[in-house]
């Protein structure tokens, strides 16, 4: 039951082969070792194992044991030897297999670590950096779009998104404040220009034309008209208009859109329509279609409790007039109506 490549040998005290299996005929009376281990034999060790070069010049592993009985008066040793290559072949094969397996597992582990790091760490860091660059470039609506997890990167993404949202809100508030300030400045300019117009002329048309010009620059208005009550006939007649067909007679302009201004005059209240096409009080819808008007705002001109006329505004897009816009225009035109009534009375006197 020897291993493949192993042999069983009987040698004497000088290392000479007495019997060898397999290959007895070739080895008989020859030394088993390249150099006779006389000193080793003389140590009288009954059992030992060692590595040495065999008589055939091959590196071998030897294991010898002294027999209890002598043979022809000689001390006899039983030796089992096997080439080192054959002895370690299986171990080397297992080692190589294990090394290959370890290498594959290491490569898989490194690949998984790389993909994991790229997916769960590097990619998220790149997303945060990209969002940071967008915010730094003025795009305050940029977000990391990362899940807010309990990890450090998740907390970092949440903190960054909260910061970006705060910056965006503050920018929105700053823009709104700036618009409000600009609107207030424009309102002050309108008041100044109107006061200048009132003090420089008594012509009602000039003052009202200045009023329409200033209001058109402040609000998203497309066209405007001022209709005045004729004291003789009691009918509405246009005095001035803006951004309408100047070649058309003012009387025909007034007649084309008389329905809504008459409603304002009768009710003596502000009339704001998001879409005048859908309101049954619009008696001449062709006027709106011709000029592509959509929204309408009408304000009564009242002085000392008496109606004087109607101020009408038109827009080409749907526009919901804000209460502050209506209040400002209403207070503005009401004050001018009072002033011009007094001026006209003084002029008549």
C-alpha atoms as a PDB file:
ATOM      1  CA  UNK A   1       0.000   0.000   0.000  1.00  0.00           C
ATOM      2  CA  UNK A   2       2.789   2.410  -0.897  1.00  0.00           C
ATOM      3  CA  UNK A   3       2.129   5.822  -2.380  1.00  0.00           C
ATOM      4  CA  UNK A   4       2.817   6.169  -6.067  1.00  0.00           C
ATOM      5  CA  UNK A   5       6.570   6.621  -6.581  1.00  0.00           C
ATOM      6  CA  UNK A   6       7.494   5.317  -3.089  1.00  0.00           C
ATOM      7  CA  UNK A   7       9.736   2.282  -2.423  1.00  0.00           C
ATOM      8  CA  UNK A   8      10.417  -0.057   0.455  1.00  0.00           C
ATOM      9  CA  UNK A   9      14.072  -0.946   1.144  1.00  0.00           C
ATOM     10  CA  UNK A  10      16.095  -3.015   3.612  1.00  0.00           C
ATOM     11  CA  UNK A  11      19.593  -1.694   4.198  1.00  0.00           C
ATOM     12  CA  UNK A  12      22.460  -2.604   6.454  1.00  0.00           C
ATOM     13  CA  UNK A  13      24.290  -0.363   8.844  1.00  0.00           C
ATOM     14  CA  UNK A  14      26.451   1.069   6.020  1.00  0.00           C
ATOM     15  CA  UNK A  15      23.454   2.027   3.848  1.00  0.00           C
ATOM     16  CA  UNK A  16      23.861  -0.745   1.320  1.00  0.00           C
ATOM     17  CA  UNK A  17      20.671  -2.078  -0.210  1.00  0.00           C
ATOM     18  CA  UNK A  18      19.847  -5.641   0.774  1.00  0.00           C
ATOM     19  CA  UNK A  19      16.348  -5.674  -0.654  1.00  0.00           C
ATOM     20  CA  UNK A  20      14.265  -3.068  -2.493  1.00  0.00           C
ATOM     21  CA  UNK A  21      10.721  -3.129  -3.755  1.00  0.00           C
ATOM     22  CA  UNK A  22      10.132  -2.381  -6.463  1.00  0.00           C
ATOM     23  CA  UNK A  23      13.444  -2.468  -8.378  1.00  0.00           C
ATOM     24  CA  UNK A  24      15.510  -4.851  -6.236  1.00  0.00           C
ATOM     25  CA  UNK A  25      17.796  -6.057  -9.022  1.00  0.00           C
ATOM     26  CA  UNK A  26      18.884  -2.558  -9.968  1.00  0.00           C
ATOM     27  CA  UNK A  27      19.619  -1.428  -6.399  1.00  0.00           C
ATOM     28  CA  UNK A  28      21.000  -4.515  -4.689  1.00  0.00           C
ATOM     29  CA  UNK A  29      24.404  -4.045  -3.043  1.00  0.00           C
ATOM     30  CA  UNK A  30      24.316  -0.343  -3.957  1.00  0.00           C
ATOM     31  CA  UNK A  31      24.149   2.571  -1.511  1.00  0.00           C
ATOM     32  CA  UNK A  32      20.686   4.017  -1.096  1.00  0.00           C
ATOM     33  CA  UNK A  33      22.098   7.421  -0.329  1.00  0.00           C
ATOM     34  CA  UNK A  34      24.352   9.542  -2.459  1.00  0.00           C
ATOM     35  CA  UNK A  35      26.645   9.717   0.558  1.00  0.00           C
ATOM     36  CA  UNK A  36      26.546   6.867   3.059  1.00  0.00           C
ATOM     37  CA  UNK A  37      25.113   8.071   6.300  1.00  0.00           C
ATOM     38  CA  UNK A  38      27.469   6.101   8.467  1.00  0.00           C
ATOM     39  CA  UNK A  39      27.452   8.734  11.125  1.00  0.00           C
ATOM     40  CA  UNK A  40      23.655   8.692  11.146  1.00  0.00           C
ATOM     41  CA  UNK A  41      23.575   4.949  11.441  1.00  0.00           C
ATOM     42  CA  UNK A  42      26.138   5.036  14.228  1.00  0.00           C
ATOM     43  CA  UNK A  43      23.871   7.283  16.295  1.00  0.00           C
ATOM     44  CA  UNK A  44      21.804   4.169  16.928  1.00  0.00           C
ATOM     45  CA  UNK A  45      18.508   6.026  16.409  1.00  0.00           C
ATOM     46  CA  UNK A  46      15.980   3.356  15.861  1.00  0.00           C
ATOM     47  CA  UNK A  47      13.600   5.627  13.927  1.00  0.00           C
ATOM     48  CA  UNK A  48      14.106   8.860  12.020  1.00  0.00           C
ATOM     49  CA  UNK A  49      13.014  10.752   8.898  1.00  0.00           C
ATOM     50  CA  UNK A  50      14.995  13.167   6.777  1.00  0.00           C
ATOM     51  CA  UNK A  51      15.421  14.592   3.285  1.00  0.00           C
ATOM     52  CA  UNK A  52      18.455  13.703   1.195  1.00  0.00           C
ATOM     53  CA  UNK A  53      19.627  12.965  -2.343  1.00  0.00           C
ATOM     54  CA  UNK A  54      19.167   9.335  -3.247  1.00  0.00           C
ATOM     55  CA  UNK A  55      21.649   7.129  -5.020  1.00  0.00           C
ATOM     56  CA  UNK A  56      19.920   8.013  -8.318  1.00  0.00           C
ATOM     57  CA  UNK A  57      20.532  11.721  -7.726  1.00  0.00           C
ATOM     58  CA  UNK A  58      16.858  12.508  -6.994  1.00  0.00           C
ATOM     59  CA  UNK A  59      15.894  14.491  -3.907  1.00  0.00           C
ATOM     60  CA  UNK A  60      13.905  12.150  -1.708  1.00  0.00           C
ATOM     61  CA  UNK A  61      12.199  11.959   1.654  1.00  0.00           C
ATOM     62  CA  UNK A  62      13.416   9.032   3.797  1.00  0.00           C
ATOM     63  CA  UNK A  63      11.885   7.360   6.829  1.00  0.00           C
ATOM     64  CA  UNK A  64      13.840   4.499   8.409  1.00  0.00           C
ATOM     65  CA  UNK A  65      13.273   2.193  11.339  1.00  0.00           C
ATOM     66  CA  UNK A  66      15.690  -0.353  12.814  1.00  0.00           C
ATOM     67  CA  UNK A  67      14.480  -3.945  12.800  1.00  0.00           C
ATOM     68  CA  UNK A  68      14.565  -5.809  16.082  1.00  0.00           C
ATOM     69  CA  UNK A  69      16.341  -8.834  14.645  1.00  0.00           C
ATOM     70  CA  UNK A  70      19.637  -8.884  12.815  1.00  0.00           C
ATOM     71  CA  UNK A  71      20.178 -10.468   9.448  1.00  0.00           C
ATOM     72  CA  UNK A  72      23.383 -12.493   9.113  1.00  0.00           C
ATOM     73  CA  UNK A  73      24.695 -10.708  12.147  1.00  0.00           C
ATOM     74  CA  UNK A  74      24.083  -7.285  10.582  1.00  0.00           C
ATOM     75  CA  UNK A  75      21.864  -4.532  11.887  1.00  0.00           C
ATOM     76  CA  UNK A  76      19.103  -4.017   9.360  1.00  0.00           C
ATOM     77  CA  UNK A  77      16.963  -0.960   8.715  1.00  0.00           C
ATOM     78  CA  UNK A  78      13.660  -0.752   6.932  1.00  0.00           C
ATOM     79  CA  UNK A  79      13.440   2.365   4.780  1.00  0.00           C
ATOM     80  CA  UNK A  80      10.530   3.946   2.932  1.00  0.00           C
ATOM     81  CA  UNK A  81      11.462   6.752   0.525  1.00  0.00           C
ATOM     82  CA  UNK A  82       9.564   8.871  -1.958  1.00  0.00           C
ATOM     83  CA  UNK A  83      10.714  11.611  -4.346  1.00  0.00           C
ATOM     84  CA  UNK A  84      10.132  15.073  -2.905  1.00  0.00           C
ATOM     85  CA  UNK A  85       8.215  16.068  -6.043  1.00  0.00           C
ATOM     86  CA  UNK A  86       5.839  13.136  -5.687  1.00  0.00           C
ATOM     87  CA  UNK A  87       5.502  13.688  -1.954  1.00  0.00           C
ATOM     88  CA  UNK A  88       4.435  17.315  -2.321  1.00  0.00           C
ATOM     89  CA  UNK A  89       2.545  16.966  -5.594  1.00  0.00           C
ATOM     90  CA  UNK A  90      -0.874  16.739  -3.976  1.00  0.00           C
ATOM     91  CA  UNK A  91      -0.028  19.445  -1.470  1.00  0.00           C
ATOM     92  CA  UNK A  92       1.243  21.690  -4.256  1.00  0.00           C
ATOM     93  CA  UNK A  93      -1.839  20.991  -6.315  1.00  0.00           C
ATOM     94  CA  UNK A  94      -4.057  21.895  -3.357  1.00  0.00           C
ATOM     95  CA  UNK A  95      -1.921  24.960  -2.704  1.00  0.00           C
ATOM     96  CA  UNK A  96      -2.187  26.105  -6.309  1.00  0.00           C
ATOM     97  CA  UNK A  97      -5.921  25.480  -6.316  1.00  0.00           C
ATOM     98  CA  UNK A  98      -6.293  27.393  -3.062  1.00  0.00           C
ATOM     99  CA  UNK A  99      -4.153  30.228  -4.369  1.00  0.00           C
ATOM    100  CA  UNK A 100      -6.207  30.416  -7.571  1.00  0.00           C
ATOM    101  CA  UNK A 101      -9.428  30.303  -5.561  1.00  0.00           C
ATOM    102  CA  UNK A 102      -8.081  32.952  -3.209  1.00  0.00           C
ATOM    103  CA  UNK A 103      -7.059  35.096  -6.173  1.00  0.00           C
ATOM    104  CA  UNK A 104     -10.508  34.783  -7.747  1.00  0.00           C
ATOM    105  CA  UNK A 105     -12.223  35.540  -4.464  1.00  0.00           C
ATOM    106  CA  UNK A 106      -9.921  38.518  -3.924  1.00  0.00           C
ATOM    107  CA  UNK A 107     -10.676  39.790  -7.425  1.00  0.00           C
ATOM    108  CA  UNK A 108     -14.406  39.351  -6.840  1.00  0.00           C
ATOM    109  CA  UNK A 109     -14.115  41.045  -3.473  1.00  0.00           C
ATOM    110  CA  UNK A 110     -12.184  43.943  -4.965  1.00  0.00           C
ATOM    111  CA  UNK A 111     -14.656  44.231  -7.845  1.00  0.00           C
ATOM    112  CA  UNK A 112     -17.600  44.145  -5.452  1.00  0.00           C
ATOM    113  CA  UNK A 113     -15.862  46.662  -3.219  1.00  0.00           C
ATOM    114  CA  UNK A 114     -15.190  48.911  -6.206  1.00  0.00           C
ATOM    115  CA  UNK A 115     -18.759  48.715  -7.483  1.00  0.00           C
ATOM    116  CA  UNK A 116     -20.092  49.117  -3.966  1.00  0.00           C
ATOM    117  CA  UNK A 117     -17.874  52.087  -3.290  1.00  0.00           C
ATOM    118  CA  UNK A 118     -18.771  53.610  -6.652  1.00  0.00           C
ATOM    119  CA  UNK A 119     -22.497  53.055  -6.194  1.00  0.00           C
ATOM    120  CA  UNK A 120     -22.906  53.822  -2.523  1.00  0.00           C
ATOM    121  CA  UNK A 121     -20.049  56.263  -1.912  1.00  0.00           C
ATOM    122  CA  UNK A 122     -18.338  57.746  -4.962  1.00  0.00           C
ATOM    123  CA  UNK A 123     -21.488  58.191  -7.019  1.00  0.00           C
ATOM    124  CA  UNK A 124     -23.253  59.903  -4.148  1.00  0.00           C
ATOM    125  CA  UNK A 125     -20.262  62.118  -3.544  1.00  0.00           C
ATOM    126  CA  UNK A 126     -20.264  63.022  -7.248  1.00  0.00           C
ATOM    127  CA  UNK A 127     -23.987  63.850  -7.025  1.00  0.00           C
ATOM    128  CA  UNK A 128     -23.358  66.100  -4.038  1.00  0.00           C
ATOM    129  CA  UNK A 129     -20.431  67.787  -5.802  1.00  0.00           C
ATOM    130  CA  UNK A 130     -22.517  68.269  -8.980  1.00  0.00           C
ATOM    131  CA  UNK A 131     -25.369  69.801  -6.978  1.00  0.00           C
ATOM    132  CA  UNK A 132     -22.879  72.048  -5.178  1.00  0.00           C
ATOM    133  CA  UNK A 133     -21.479  73.292  -8.488  1.00  0.00           C
ATOM    134  CA  UNK A 134     -25.003  74.045  -9.766  1.00  0.00           C
ATOM    135  CA  UNK A 135     -25.877  76.003  -6.635  1.00  0.00           C
ATOM    136  CA  UNK A 136     -22.554  77.851  -6.846  1.00  0.00           C
ATOM    137  CA  UNK A 137     -23.436  78.710 -10.449  1.00  0.00           C
ATOM    138  CA  UNK A 138     -26.727  80.282  -9.377  1.00  0.00           C
ATOM    139  CA  UNK A 139     -29.073  77.329  -9.928  1.00  0.00           C
ATOM    140  CA  UNK A 140     -30.528  77.342  -6.414  1.00  0.00           C
ATOM    141  CA  UNK A 141     -33.211  74.825  -7.349  1.00  0.00           C
ATOM    142  CA  UNK A 142     -30.599  72.071  -7.702  1.00  0.00           C
ATOM    143  CA  UNK A 143     -30.889  69.134  -5.286  1.00  0.00           C
ATOM    144  CA  UNK A 144     -28.802  66.012  -4.672  1.00  0.00           C
ATOM    145  CA  UNK A 145     -31.849  63.702  -5.129  1.00  0.00           C
ATOM    146  CA  UNK A 146     -30.219  61.194  -2.796  1.00  0.00           C
ATOM    147  CA  UNK A 147     -32.129  59.124  -0.228  1.00  0.00           C
ATOM    148  CA  UNK A 148     -31.900  60.574   3.257  1.00  0.00           C
ATOM    149  CA  UNK A 149     -30.481  57.633   5.158  1.00  0.00           C
ATOM    150  CA  UNK A 150     -28.825  57.400   8.547  1.00  0.00           C
ATOM    151  CA  UNK A 151     -25.361  57.203   6.968  1.00  0.00           C
ATOM    152  CA  UNK A 152     -22.980  60.147   6.879  1.00  0.00           C
ATOM    153  CA  UNK A 153     -23.598  60.687   3.144  1.00  0.00           C
ATOM    154  CA  UNK A 154     -27.367  60.612   3.662  1.00  0.00           C
ATOM    155  CA  UNK A 155     -27.100  63.206   6.425  1.00  0.00           C
ATOM    156  CA  UNK A 156     -24.773  65.287   4.246  1.00  0.00           C
ATOM    157  CA  UNK A 157     -27.263  65.153   1.353  1.00  0.00           C
ATOM    158  CA  UNK A 158     -30.121  66.199   3.655  1.00  0.00           C
ATOM    159  CA  UNK A 159     -28.083  69.087   5.080  1.00  0.00           C
ATOM    160  CA  UNK A 160     -27.111  70.255   1.594  1.00  0.00           C
ATOM    161  CA  UNK A 161     -30.672  70.077   0.234  1.00  0.00           C
ATOM    162  CA  UNK A 162     -31.981  71.969   3.276  1.00  0.00           C
ATOM    163  CA  UNK A 163     -29.321  74.638   2.740  1.00  0.00           C
ATOM    164  CA  UNK A 164     -30.134  74.911  -0.979  1.00  0.00           C
ATOM    165  CA  UNK A 165     -33.860  75.174  -0.200  1.00  0.00           C
ATOM    166  CA  UNK A 166     -33.201  77.923   2.339  1.00  0.00           C
ATOM    167  CA  UNK A 167     -31.074  79.832  -0.172  1.00  0.00           C
ATOM    168  CA  UNK A 168     -33.775  79.437  -2.820  1.00  0.00           C
ATOM    169  CA  UNK A 169     -36.463  80.724  -0.443  1.00  0.00           C
ATOM    170  CA  UNK A 170     -34.336  83.696   0.538  1.00  0.00           C
ATOM    171  CA  UNK A 171     -33.636  84.496  -3.103  1.00  0.00           C
ATOM    172  CA  UNK A 172     -37.368  84.305  -3.840  1.00  0.00           C
ATOM    173  CA  UNK A 173     -38.085  86.606  -0.911  1.00  0.00           C
ATOM    174  CA  UNK A 174     -35.346  88.987  -2.036  1.00  0.00           C
ATOM    175  CA  UNK A 175     -36.746  89.081  -5.593  1.00  0.00           C
ATOM    176  CA  UNK A 176     -40.257  89.677  -4.272  1.00  0.00           C
ATOM    177  CA  UNK A 177     -38.976  92.457  -2.016  1.00  0.00           C
ATOM    178  CA  UNK A 178     -37.087  94.011  -4.908  1.00  0.00           C
ATOM    179  CA  UNK A 179     -40.200  93.886  -7.096  1.00  0.00           C
ATOM    180  CA  UNK A 180     -42.262  95.444  -4.330  1.00  0.00           C
ATOM    181  CA  UNK A 181     -39.711  98.215  -3.891  1.00  0.00           C
ATOM    182  CA  UNK A 182     -39.607  98.848  -7.647  1.00  0.00           C
ATOM    183  CA  UNK A 183     -43.389  98.924  -7.775  1.00  0.00           C
ATOM    184  CA  UNK A 184     -43.488 101.427  -4.925  1.00  0.00           C
ATOM    185  CA  UNK A 185     -40.917 103.559  -6.730  1.00  0.00           C
ATOM    186  CA  UNK A 186     -43.015 103.426  -9.887  1.00  0.00           C
ATOM    187  CA  UNK A 187     -46.101 104.404  -7.929  1.00  0.00           C
ATOM    188  CA  UNK A 188     -44.229 107.338  -6.445  1.00  0.00           C
ATOM    189  CA  UNK A 189     -43.077 108.328  -9.926  1.00  0.00           C
ATOM    190  CA  UNK A 190     -46.652 108.179 -11.183  1.00  0.00           C
ATOM    191  CA  UNK A 191     -47.783 110.436  -8.377  1.00  0.00           C
ATOM    192  CA  UNK A 192     -44.959 112.857  -9.096  1.00  0.00           C
ATOM    193  CA  UNK A 193     -45.650 112.958 -12.840  1.00  0.00           C
ATOM    194  CA  UNK A 194     -49.375 113.422 -12.273  1.00  0.00           C
ATOM    195  CA  UNK A 195     -48.808 116.205  -9.787  1.00  0.00           C
ATOM    196  CA  UNK A 196     -46.445 117.806 -12.282  1.00  0.00           C
ATOM    197  CA  UNK A 197     -49.051 117.481 -15.032  1.00  0.00           C
ATOM    198  CA  UNK A 198     -51.790 118.922 -12.825  1.00  0.00           C
ATOM    199  CA  UNK A 199     -49.710 121.912 -11.816  1.00  0.00           C
ATOM    200  CA  UNK A 200     -48.503 122.585 -15.361  1.00  0.00           C
ATOM    201  CA  UNK A 201     -51.810 122.411 -17.261  1.00  0.00           C
ATOM    202  CA  UNK A 202     -55.545 122.501 -16.752  1.00  0.00           C
ATOM    203  CA  UNK A 203     -56.202 120.360 -19.831  1.00  0.00           C
ATOM    204  CA  UNK A 204     -58.063 117.256 -18.700  1.00  0.00           C
ATOM    205  CA  UNK A 205     -57.011 115.222 -21.745  1.00  0.00           C
ATOM    206  CA  UNK A 206     -53.349 115.908 -21.082  1.00  0.00           C
ATOM    207  CA  UNK A 207     -53.597 114.852 -17.466  1.00  0.00           C
ATOM    208  CA  UNK A 208     -55.602 111.718 -18.254  1.00  0.00           C
ATOM    209  CA  UNK A 209     -53.237 110.769 -21.067  1.00  0.00           C
ATOM    210  CA  UNK A 210     -50.348 111.076 -18.605  1.00  0.00           C
ATOM    211  CA  UNK A 211     -52.302 108.900 -16.177  1.00  0.00           C
ATOM    212  CA  UNK A 212     -52.808 106.139 -18.757  1.00  0.00           C
ATOM    213  CA  UNK A 213     -49.194 106.269 -19.846  1.00  0.00           C
ATOM    214  CA  UNK A 214     -47.911 105.852 -16.290  1.00  0.00           C
ATOM    215  CA  UNK A 215     -50.385 103.122 -15.376  1.00  0.00           C
ATOM    216  CA  UNK A 216     -49.496 101.161 -18.517  1.00  0.00           C
ATOM    217  CA  UNK A 217     -45.860 101.114 -17.431  1.00  0.00           C
ATOM    218  CA  UNK A 218     -46.761  99.910 -13.943  1.00  0.00           C
ATOM    219  CA  UNK A 219     -49.283  97.165 -14.695  1.00  0.00           C
ATOM    220  CA  UNK A 220     -49.479  94.509 -17.470  1.00  0.00           C
ATOM    221  CA  UNK A 221     -52.069  96.491 -19.441  1.00  0.00           C
ATOM    222  CA  UNK A 222     -52.453  96.305 -23.201  1.00  0.00           C
ATOM    223  CA  UNK A 223     -54.865  99.188 -23.782  1.00  0.00           C
ATOM    224  CA  UNK A 224     -56.856 101.729 -21.805  1.00  0.00           C
ATOM    225  CA  UNK A 225     -59.636 104.258 -22.385  1.00  0.00           C
ATOM    226  CA  UNK A 226     -61.216 107.056 -20.402  1.00  0.00           C
ATOM    227  CA  UNK A 227     -64.909 107.699 -21.101  1.00  0.00           C
ATOM    228  CA  UNK A 228     -66.489 110.906 -19.811  1.00  0.00           C
ATOM    229  CA  UNK A 229     -70.198 111.642 -19.256  1.00  0.00           C
ATOM    230  CA  UNK A 230     -71.484 114.273 -21.648  1.00  0.00           C
ATOM    231  CA  UNK A 231     -73.320 116.750 -19.393  1.00  0.00           C
ATOM    232  CA  UNK A 232     -75.761 117.601 -22.183  1.00  0.00           C
ATOM    233  CA  UNK A 233     -76.708 114.091 -23.376  1.00  0.00           C
ATOM    234  CA  UNK A 234     -75.666 112.026 -20.329  1.00  0.00           C
ATOM    235  CA  UNK A 235     -73.895 109.559 -22.624  1.00  0.00           C
ATOM    236  CA  UNK A 236     -70.404 108.183 -22.222  1.00  0.00           C
ATOM    237  CA  UNK A 237     -67.911 109.725 -24.617  1.00  0.00           C
ATOM    238  CA  UNK A 238     -64.228 108.860 -24.903  1.00  0.00           C
ATOM    239  CA  UNK A 239     -61.756 111.526 -23.957  1.00  0.00           C
ATOM    240  CA  UNK A 240     -58.446 109.706 -24.320  1.00  0.00           C
ATOM    241  CA  UNK A 241     -57.335 106.188 -25.173  1.00  0.00           C
ATOM    242  CA  UNK A 242     -54.026 104.330 -25.305  1.00  0.00           C
ATOM    243  CA  UNK A 243     -52.805 101.514 -27.604  1.00  0.00           C
ATOM    244  CA  UNK A 244     -55.987 101.443 -29.626  1.00  0.00           C
ATOM    245  CA  UNK A 245     -56.427 102.259 -33.300  1.00  0.00           C
ATOM    246  CA  UNK A 246     -55.704 106.002 -33.386  1.00  0.00           C
ATOM    247  CA  UNK A 247     -57.165 106.281 -36.886  1.00  0.00           C
ATOM    248  CA  UNK A 248     -60.576 105.162 -35.675  1.00  0.00           C
ATOM    249  CA  UNK A 249     -62.884 107.873 -34.371  1.00  0.00           C
ATOM    250  CA  UNK A 250     -63.037 108.009 -30.587  1.00  0.00           C
ATOM    251  CA  UNK A 251     -66.814 107.863 -30.704  1.00  0.00           C
ATOM    252  CA  UNK A 252     -66.793 104.541 -32.547  1.00  0.00           C
ATOM    253  CA  UNK A 253     -64.272 103.177 -30.081  1.00  0.00           C
ATOM    254  CA  UNK A 254     -66.527 104.049 -27.219  1.00  0.00           C
ATOM    255  CA  UNK A 255     -69.539 102.547 -28.910  1.00  0.00           C
ATOM    256  CA  UNK A 256     -67.674  99.347 -29.630  1.00  0.00           C
ATOM    257  CA  UNK A 257     -67.090  98.640 -25.959  1.00  0.00           C
ATOM    258  CA  UNK A 258     -69.917 100.499 -24.311  1.00  0.00           C
ATOM    259  CA  UNK A 259     -71.451  97.471 -22.571  1.00  0.00           C
ATOM    260  CA  UNK A 260     -68.970  96.933 -19.756  1.00  0.00           C
ATOM    261  CA  UNK A 261     -68.227 100.646 -19.086  1.00  0.00           C
ATOM    262  CA  UNK A 262     -71.951 101.288 -18.779  1.00  0.00           C
ATOM    263  CA  UNK A 263     -72.191  98.475 -16.197  1.00  0.00           C
ATOM    264  CA  UNK A 264     -69.368 100.125 -14.221  1.00  0.00           C
ATOM    265  CA  UNK A 265     -71.062 103.534 -14.485  1.00  0.00           C
ATOM    266  CA  UNK A 266     -74.451 102.242 -13.351  1.00  0.00           C
ATOM    267  CA  UNK A 267     -73.122 100.195 -10.439  1.00  0.00           C
ATOM    268  CA  UNK A 268     -70.414 102.750  -9.554  1.00  0.00           C
ATOM    269  CA  UNK A 269     -68.144  99.883  -8.475  1.00  0.00           C
ATOM    270  CA  UNK A 270     -64.999  98.264  -9.790  1.00  0.00           C
ATOM    271  CA  UNK A 271     -65.580  95.526 -12.387  1.00  0.00           C
ATOM    272  CA  UNK A 272     -62.750  92.998 -12.917  1.00  0.00           C
ATOM    273  CA  UNK A 273     -63.230  90.164 -15.423  1.00  0.00           C
ATOM    274  CA  UNK A 274     -60.666  87.419 -15.966  1.00  0.00           C
ATOM    275  CA  UNK A 275     -62.219  86.576 -19.367  1.00  0.00           C
ATOM    276  CA  UNK A 276     -64.638  89.128 -20.769  1.00  0.00           C
ATOM    277  CA  UNK A 277     -65.616  86.754 -23.604  1.00  0.00           C
ATOM    278  CA  UNK A 278     -67.450  84.557 -21.075  1.00  0.00           C
ATOM    279  CA  UNK A 279     -69.342  87.384 -19.371  1.00  0.00           C
ATOM    280  CA  UNK A 280     -72.901  87.982 -20.649  1.00  0.00           C
ATOM    281  CA  UNK A 281     -72.556  91.723 -19.911  1.00  0.00           C
ATOM    282  CA  UNK A 282     -70.092  92.033 -22.798  1.00  0.00           C
ATOM    283  CA  UNK A 283     -72.463  93.412 -25.433  1.00  0.00           C
ATOM    284  CA  UNK A 284     -69.861  93.775 -28.188  1.00  0.00           C
ATOM    285  CA  UNK A 285     -67.543  90.708 -28.135  1.00  0.00           C
ATOM    286  CA  UNK A 286     -66.289  91.566 -31.636  1.00  0.00           C
ATOM    287  CA  UNK A 287     -64.391  94.467 -30.118  1.00  0.00           C
ATOM    288  CA  UNK A 288     -62.488  92.049 -27.855  1.00  0.00           C
ATOM    289  CA  UNK A 289     -61.858  89.587 -30.680  1.00  0.00           C
ATOM    290  CA  UNK A 290     -60.636  92.297 -33.012  1.00  0.00           C
ATOM    291  CA  UNK A 291     -57.985  93.523 -30.584  1.00  0.00           C
ATOM    292  CA  UNK A 292     -57.362  90.073 -28.983  1.00  0.00           C
ATOM    293  CA  UNK A 293     -58.403  91.386 -25.598  1.00  0.00           C
ATOM    294  CA  UNK A 294     -59.213  88.910 -22.832  1.00  0.00           C
ATOM    295  CA  UNK A 295     -59.327  90.466 -19.362  1.00  0.00           C
ATOM    296  CA  UNK A 296     -61.100  93.705 -18.427  1.00  0.00           C
ATOM    297  CA  UNK A 297     -60.881  96.143 -15.520  1.00  0.00           C
ATOM    298  CA  UNK A 298     -63.269  99.061 -15.182  1.00  0.00           C
ATOM    299  CA  UNK A 299     -63.183 101.743 -12.475  1.00  0.00           C
ATOM    300  CA  UNK A 300     -65.767 104.507 -11.992  1.00  0.00           C
ATOM    301  CA  UNK A 301     -64.524 108.103 -11.951  1.00  0.00           C
ATOM    302  CA  UNK A 302     -66.384 109.736  -9.081  1.00  0.00           C
ATOM    303  CA  UNK A 303     -65.943 113.222  -7.593  1.00  0.00           C
ATOM    304  CA  UNK A 304     -67.894 114.486  -4.614  1.00  0.00           C
ATOM    305  CA  UNK A 305     -70.295 111.574  -4.943  1.00  0.00           C
ATOM    306  CA  UNK A 306     -71.091 112.341  -8.582  1.00  0.00           C
ATOM    307  CA  UNK A 307     -70.057 109.924 -11.397  1.00  0.00           C
ATOM    308  CA  UNK A 308     -67.883 111.564 -14.026  1.00  0.00           C
ATOM    309  CA  UNK A 309     -66.930 108.647 -16.246  1.00  0.00           C
ATOM    310  CA  UNK A 310     -65.229 105.266 -16.478  1.00  0.00           C
ATOM    311  CA  UNK A 311     -61.569 104.218 -16.683  1.00  0.00           C
ATOM    312  CA  UNK A 312     -61.213 100.936 -18.628  1.00  0.00           C
ATOM    313  CA  UNK A 313     -58.208  98.634 -18.981  1.00  0.00           C
ATOM    314  CA  UNK A 314     -57.736  95.664 -21.355  1.00  0.00           C
ATOM    315  CA  UNK A 315     -55.149  92.845 -21.471  1.00  0.00           C
ATOM    316  CA  UNK A 316     -54.360  90.372 -24.241  1.00  0.00           C
ATOM    317  CA  UNK A 317     -53.633  87.587 -21.718  1.00  0.00           C
ATOM    318  CA  UNK A 318     -55.740  86.382 -18.844  1.00  0.00           C
ATOM    319  CA  UNK A 319     -54.756  88.537 -15.910  1.00  0.00           C
ATOM    320  CA  UNK A 320     -56.288  88.387 -12.468  1.00  0.00           C
ATOM    321  CA  UNK A 321     -56.020  91.914 -11.116  1.00  0.00           C
ATOM    322  CA  UNK A 322     -54.684  91.933  -7.578  1.00  0.00           C
ATOM    323  CA  UNK A 323     -56.546  93.826  -4.878  1.00  0.00           C
ATOM    324  CA  UNK A 324     -53.528  96.081  -4.285  1.00  0.00           C
ATOM    325  CA  UNK A 325     -53.442  97.000  -7.982  1.00  0.00           C
ATOM    326  CA  UNK A 326     -57.131  97.865  -7.978  1.00  0.00           C
ATOM    327  CA  UNK A 327     -56.837  99.812  -4.725  1.00  0.00           C
ATOM    328  CA  UNK A 328     -53.922 101.877  -5.977  1.00  0.00           C
ATOM    329  CA  UNK A 329     -55.540 102.690  -9.324  1.00  0.00           C
ATOM    330  CA  UNK A 330     -58.866 103.434  -7.661  1.00  0.00           C
ATOM    331  CA  UNK A 331     -57.363 105.760  -5.082  1.00  0.00           C
ATOM    332  CA  UNK A 332     -55.258 107.400  -7.768  1.00  0.00           C
ATOM    333  CA  UNK A 333     -58.057 108.130 -10.223  1.00  0.00           C
ATOM    334  CA  UNK A 334     -60.471 109.116  -7.473  1.00  0.00           C
ATOM    335  CA  UNK A 335     -58.042 111.733  -6.205  1.00  0.00           C
ATOM    336  CA  UNK A 336     -57.385 113.061  -9.692  1.00  0.00           C
ATOM    337  CA  UNK A 337     -61.112 113.243 -10.392  1.00  0.00           C
ATOM    338  CA  UNK A 338     -61.594 115.378  -7.281  1.00  0.00           C
ATOM    339  CA  UNK A 339     -58.753 117.669  -8.273  1.00  0.00           C
ATOM    340  CA  UNK A 340     -59.953 118.125 -11.845  1.00  0.00           C
ATOM    341  CA  UNK A 341     -63.509 118.750 -10.759  1.00  0.00           C
ATOM    342  CA  UNK A 342     -62.280 121.574  -8.560  1.00  0.00           C
ATOM    343  CA  UNK A 343     -60.025 122.860 -11.328  1.00  0.00           C
ATOM    344  CA  UNK A 344     -62.790 122.740 -13.901  1.00  0.00           C
ATOM    345  CA  UNK A 345     -65.135 124.596 -11.544  1.00  0.00           C
ATOM    346  CA  UNK A 346     -62.476 127.240 -10.999  1.00  0.00           C
ATOM    347  CA  UNK A 347     -61.881 127.439 -14.735  1.00  0.00           C
ATOM    348  CA  UNK A 348     -65.614 127.891 -15.417  1.00  0.00           C
ATOM    349  CA  UNK A 349     -65.751 130.605 -12.750  1.00  0.00           C
END
